[in-house]
Amino acid sequence: MKLSLGKIQMSTTLLMRRFGYGLHQGREISYERRISHQPFPRLHAYVEETKKGVSINLHLDQKAPTYGGVKMHAGEYDGAVVERELARIKKLVALYE
């Protein structure tokens, strides 16, 4: 699911850290937030800066890629967990405005 935010007066890395996310090591810059002490499931976010503001594309990674060299995963792009997380982020955004 996508969440569009207005202009933010801080770097996207600092913003995502304040939301509880760490930098995810991958081909693209993205951020992750673990739900438990295990690597999976985890929340995974791609952040895009545009002229209008910041857009966060969030999904839930259920497990690690298991498709033999293909970069695919069992991700959920909607559902209760993703919706609750977006609601949590919206509340935090209100604190920084």
N, C-alpha and C. Protein backbone atom coordinates (compact mmCIF):
# COMPACT_ATOMS: atom_id res chain seq x y z
N MET A 1 0.84 -1.18 0.00
CA MET A 1 0.00 0.00 0.00
C MET A 1 0.88 1.23 0.00
N LYS A 2 0.37 2.26 -0.59
CA LYS A 2 1.11 3.51 -0.66
C LYS A 2 0.52 4.54 0.29
N LEU A 3 1.42 5.34 0.84
CA LEU A 3 1.03 6.47 1.68
C LEU A 3 1.76 7.69 1.15
N SER A 4 1.01 8.72 0.80
CA SER A 4 1.61 9.95 0.31
C SER A 4 1.62 10.97 1.44
N LEU A 5 2.79 11.52 1.68
CA LEU A 5 2.96 12.54 2.69
C LEU A 5 3.31 13.85 1.99
N GLY A 6 3.08 14.93 2.65
CA GLY A 6 3.48 16.22 2.10
C GLY A 6 4.99 16.39 2.21
N LYS A 7 5.42 17.61 2.04
CA LYS A 7 6.85 17.91 2.16
C LYS A 7 7.30 17.65 3.59
N ILE A 8 8.43 17.00 3.72
CA ILE A 8 9.02 16.68 5.00
C ILE A 8 10.36 17.42 5.08
N GLN A 9 10.61 18.06 6.20
CA GLN A 9 11.81 18.87 6.35
C GLN A 9 12.98 18.09 6.95
N MET A 10 13.13 16.83 6.58
CA MET A 10 14.27 16.03 7.02
C MET A 10 14.56 14.98 5.95
N SER A 11 15.70 14.35 6.05
CA SER A 11 16.05 13.32 5.07
C SER A 11 15.11 12.12 5.22
N THR A 12 14.93 11.39 4.15
CA THR A 12 14.06 10.22 4.22
C THR A 12 14.64 9.16 5.15
N THR A 13 15.96 9.07 5.23
CA THR A 13 16.58 8.11 6.14
C THR A 13 16.26 8.46 7.59
N LEU A 14 16.39 9.72 7.97
CA LEU A 14 16.06 10.15 9.32
C LEU A 14 14.57 9.96 9.59
N LEU A 15 13.74 10.29 8.62
CA LEU A 15 12.29 10.11 8.77
C LEU A 15 11.96 8.65 9.05
N MET A 16 12.50 7.74 8.25
CA MET A 16 12.21 6.33 8.43
C MET A 16 12.78 5.80 9.75
N ARG A 17 13.91 6.32 10.18
CA ARG A 17 14.45 5.93 11.49
C ARG A 17 13.50 6.34 12.60
N ARG A 18 12.94 7.52 12.47
CA ARG A 18 11.98 7.98 13.49
C ARG A 18 10.72 7.12 13.49
N PHE A 19 10.40 6.51 12.38
CA PHE A 19 9.26 5.59 12.30
C PHE A 19 9.63 4.19 12.80
N GLY A 20 10.92 3.97 13.11
CA GLY A 20 11.35 2.67 13.63
C GLY A 20 11.92 1.73 12.59
N TYR A 21 12.29 2.27 11.43
CA TYR A 21 12.80 1.46 10.33
C TYR A 21 14.32 1.62 10.21
N GLY A 22 14.97 0.55 9.79
CA GLY A 22 16.39 0.58 9.52
C GLY A 22 16.63 0.40 8.03
N LEU A 23 17.81 0.77 7.60
CA LEU A 23 18.17 0.64 6.19
C LEU A 23 18.23 -0.83 5.81
N HIS A 24 17.63 -1.18 4.70
CA HIS A 24 17.63 -2.56 4.19
C HIS A 24 18.69 -2.68 3.11
N GLN A 25 19.53 -3.68 3.23
CA GLN A 25 20.58 -3.90 2.24
C GLN A 25 20.00 -4.66 1.06
N GLY A 26 19.97 -4.04 -0.09
CA GLY A 26 19.44 -4.66 -1.29
C GLY A 26 19.89 -3.89 -2.52
N ARG A 27 19.29 -4.22 -3.65
CA ARG A 27 19.65 -3.53 -4.90
C ARG A 27 19.22 -2.07 -4.88
N GLU A 28 18.10 -1.79 -4.25
CA GLU A 28 17.58 -0.43 -4.15
C GLU A 28 17.60 0.00 -2.69
N ILE A 29 17.59 1.29 -2.45
CA ILE A 29 17.49 1.78 -1.09
C ILE A 29 16.07 1.55 -0.60
N SER A 30 15.97 0.86 0.52
CA SER A 30 14.67 0.62 1.13
C SER A 30 14.88 0.47 2.63
N TYR A 31 13.80 0.31 3.35
CA TYR A 31 13.84 0.29 4.80
C TYR A 31 13.01 -0.88 5.31
N GLU A 32 13.40 -1.42 6.47
CA GLU A 32 12.67 -2.55 7.03
C GLU A 32 12.44 -2.32 8.52
N ARG A 33 11.37 -2.92 9.00
CA ARG A 33 11.04 -2.89 10.43
C ARG A 33 10.61 -4.30 10.81
N ARG A 34 11.32 -4.89 11.73
CA ARG A 34 10.99 -6.25 12.15
C ARG A 34 9.78 -6.23 13.08
N ILE A 35 8.97 -7.26 12.95
CA ILE A 35 7.78 -7.40 13.76
C ILE A 35 8.08 -8.23 15.01
N SER A 36 9.09 -9.10 14.90
CA SER A 36 9.50 -9.95 16.03
C SER A 36 11.02 -9.99 16.07
N HIS A 37 11.56 -10.87 16.87
CA HIS A 37 13.01 -11.01 16.95
C HIS A 37 13.57 -11.85 15.80
N GLN A 38 12.71 -12.39 14.99
CA GLN A 38 13.11 -13.19 13.83
C GLN A 38 13.23 -12.29 12.60
N PRO A 39 13.99 -12.70 11.59
CA PRO A 39 14.12 -11.88 10.38
C PRO A 39 12.81 -11.70 9.61
N PHE A 40 11.92 -12.68 9.69
CA PHE A 40 10.64 -12.63 8.99
C PHE A 40 9.54 -13.04 9.94
N PRO A 41 8.35 -12.52 9.80
CA PRO A 41 7.93 -11.49 8.85
C PRO A 41 8.48 -10.12 9.25
N ARG A 42 8.53 -9.22 8.27
CA ARG A 42 9.01 -7.86 8.50
C ARG A 42 8.26 -6.91 7.58
N LEU A 43 8.19 -5.68 7.99
CA LEU A 43 7.62 -4.63 7.15
C LEU A 43 8.74 -4.08 6.29
N HIS A 44 8.45 -3.84 5.03
CA HIS A 44 9.46 -3.42 4.06
C HIS A 44 8.90 -2.22 3.31
N ALA A 45 9.66 -1.13 3.30
CA ALA A 45 9.18 0.12 2.70
C ALA A 45 10.16 0.67 1.67
N TYR A 46 9.61 1.11 0.56
CA TYR A 46 10.36 1.86 -0.44
C TYR A 46 9.87 3.30 -0.35
N VAL A 47 10.80 4.25 -0.30
CA VAL A 47 10.45 5.65 -0.14
C VAL A 47 10.88 6.41 -1.38
N GLU A 48 9.97 7.25 -1.87
CA GLU A 48 10.24 8.05 -3.06
C GLU A 48 9.99 9.52 -2.74
N GLU A 49 10.96 10.35 -3.09
CA GLU A 49 10.80 11.79 -2.92
C GLU A 49 10.39 12.40 -4.25
N THR A 50 9.32 13.17 -4.24
CA THR A 50 8.85 13.86 -5.45
C THR A 50 8.73 15.35 -5.13
N LYS A 51 8.34 16.13 -6.12
CA LYS A 51 8.13 17.56 -5.91
C LYS A 51 6.97 17.82 -4.94
N LYS A 52 6.01 16.91 -4.93
CA LYS A 52 4.84 17.07 -4.05
C LYS A 52 5.10 16.62 -2.62
N GLY A 53 6.11 15.79 -2.41
CA GLY A 53 6.39 15.31 -1.08
C GLY A 53 7.01 13.92 -1.10
N VAL A 54 6.73 13.17 -0.06
CA VAL A 54 7.30 11.84 0.12
C VAL A 54 6.21 10.79 -0.04
N SER A 55 6.53 9.71 -0.72
CA SER A 55 5.61 8.59 -0.90
C SER A 55 6.26 7.35 -0.33
N ILE A 56 5.52 6.62 0.51
CA ILE A 56 6.01 5.39 1.11
C ILE A 56 5.20 4.23 0.56
N ASN A 57 5.88 3.28 -0.06
CA ASN A 57 5.25 2.07 -0.59
C ASN A 57 5.61 0.94 0.37
N LEU A 58 4.61 0.45 1.12
CA LEU A 58 4.84 -0.48 2.21
C LEU A 58 4.22 -1.84 1.91
N HIS A 59 4.94 -2.89 2.28
CA HIS A 59 4.39 -4.24 2.20
C HIS A 59 4.96 -5.09 3.32
N LEU A 60 4.39 -6.25 3.52
CA LEU A 60 4.81 -7.18 4.55
C LEU A 60 5.50 -8.36 3.89
N ASP A 61 6.79 -8.56 4.20
CA ASP A 61 7.52 -9.73 3.72
C ASP A 61 7.25 -10.86 4.70
N GLN A 62 6.60 -11.92 4.22
CA GLN A 62 6.27 -13.04 5.10
C GLN A 62 7.46 -13.99 5.29
N LYS A 63 8.26 -14.16 4.23
CA LYS A 63 9.41 -15.06 4.32
C LYS A 63 10.47 -14.64 3.31
N ALA A 64 11.62 -15.23 3.45
CA ALA A 64 12.73 -14.93 2.55
C ALA A 64 12.45 -15.50 1.16
N PRO A 65 13.10 -14.94 0.13
CA PRO A 65 12.93 -15.48 -1.22
C PRO A 65 13.35 -16.95 -1.28
N THR A 66 12.52 -17.76 -1.92
CA THR A 66 12.83 -19.20 -2.02
C THR A 66 12.61 -19.70 -3.44
N TYR A 67 12.89 -18.86 -4.42
CA TYR A 67 12.59 -19.21 -5.80
C TYR A 67 13.85 -19.48 -6.62
N GLY A 68 14.91 -19.95 -5.99
CA GLY A 68 16.12 -20.36 -6.71
C GLY A 68 16.75 -19.29 -7.56
N GLY A 69 17.26 -18.23 -6.94
CA GLY A 69 17.98 -17.20 -7.68
C GLY A 69 17.11 -16.08 -8.21
N VAL A 70 15.82 -16.25 -8.20
CA VAL A 70 14.91 -15.20 -8.67
C VAL A 70 14.56 -14.32 -7.48
N LYS A 71 14.63 -13.02 -7.65
CA LYS A 71 14.35 -12.08 -6.56
C LYS A 71 12.85 -11.86 -6.42
N MET A 72 12.17 -12.85 -5.89
CA MET A 72 10.74 -12.73 -5.61
C MET A 72 10.54 -13.15 -4.16
N HIS A 73 9.43 -12.73 -3.58
CA HIS A 73 9.17 -13.06 -2.20
C HIS A 73 7.68 -13.18 -1.96
N ALA A 74 7.34 -13.65 -0.78
CA ALA A 74 5.93 -13.76 -0.38
C ALA A 74 5.54 -12.48 0.33
N GLY A 75 5.20 -11.46 -0.42
CA GLY A 75 4.86 -10.16 0.14
C GLY A 75 3.37 -9.90 0.10
N GLU A 76 2.88 -9.27 1.16
CA GLU A 76 1.48 -8.86 1.23
C GLU A 76 1.44 -7.34 1.14
N TYR A 77 0.73 -6.84 0.15
CA TYR A 77 0.69 -5.41 -0.10
C TYR A 77 -0.53 -4.73 0.52
N ASP A 78 -1.40 -5.49 1.13
CA ASP A 78 -2.52 -4.94 1.87
C ASP A 78 -2.85 -5.91 3.00
N GLY A 79 -3.85 -5.63 3.76
CA GLY A 79 -4.21 -6.48 4.89
C GLY A 79 -4.09 -5.73 6.20
N ALA A 80 -4.50 -6.37 7.27
CA ALA A 80 -4.60 -5.73 8.58
C ALA A 80 -3.25 -5.22 9.10
N VAL A 81 -2.20 -6.00 8.94
CA VAL A 81 -0.89 -5.60 9.45
C VAL A 81 -0.39 -4.35 8.74
N VAL A 82 -0.50 -4.33 7.42
CA VAL A 82 -0.04 -3.19 6.63
C VAL A 82 -0.90 -1.96 6.94
N GLU A 83 -2.20 -2.13 7.06
CA GLU A 83 -3.09 -1.01 7.36
C GLU A 83 -2.79 -0.42 8.74
N ARG A 84 -2.55 -1.29 9.74
CA ARG A 84 -2.22 -0.80 11.08
C ARG A 84 -0.90 -0.02 11.07
N GLU A 85 0.06 -0.51 10.31
CA GLU A 85 1.35 0.17 10.24
C GLU A 85 1.22 1.53 9.57
N LEU A 86 0.44 1.62 8.51
CA LEU A 86 0.23 2.91 7.85
C LEU A 86 -0.48 3.88 8.79
N ALA A 87 -1.43 3.40 9.57
CA ALA A 87 -2.12 4.25 10.55
C ALA A 87 -1.13 4.74 11.61
N ARG A 88 -0.23 3.87 12.04
CA ARG A 88 0.79 4.25 13.02
C ARG A 88 1.71 5.33 12.45
N ILE A 89 2.12 5.16 11.19
CA ILE A 89 2.98 6.14 10.54
C ILE A 89 2.26 7.49 10.41
N LYS A 90 0.98 7.48 10.05
CA LYS A 90 0.22 8.73 9.93
C LYS A 90 0.19 9.47 11.26
N LYS A 91 0.03 8.75 12.36
CA LYS A 91 0.02 9.39 13.68
C LYS A 91 1.39 10.01 13.98
N LEU A 92 2.45 9.31 13.62
CA LEU A 92 3.80 9.84 13.85
C LEU A 92 4.08 11.06 12.98
N VAL A 93 3.59 11.06 11.76
CA VAL A 93 3.78 12.20 10.87
C VAL A 93 3.15 13.45 11.48
N ALA A 94 2.00 13.29 12.10
CA ALA A 94 1.31 14.42 12.72
C ALA A 94 2.17 15.05 13.82
N LEU A 95 3.02 14.26 14.48
CA LEU A 95 3.89 14.78 15.53
C LEU A 95 5.00 15.67 14.97
N TYR A 96 5.41 15.42 13.72
CA TYR A 96 6.53 16.16 13.12
C TYR A 96 6.07 17.33 12.26
N GLU A 97 4.78 17.54 12.14
CA GLU A 97 4.30 18.66 11.31
C GLU A 97 4.21 19.94 12.11
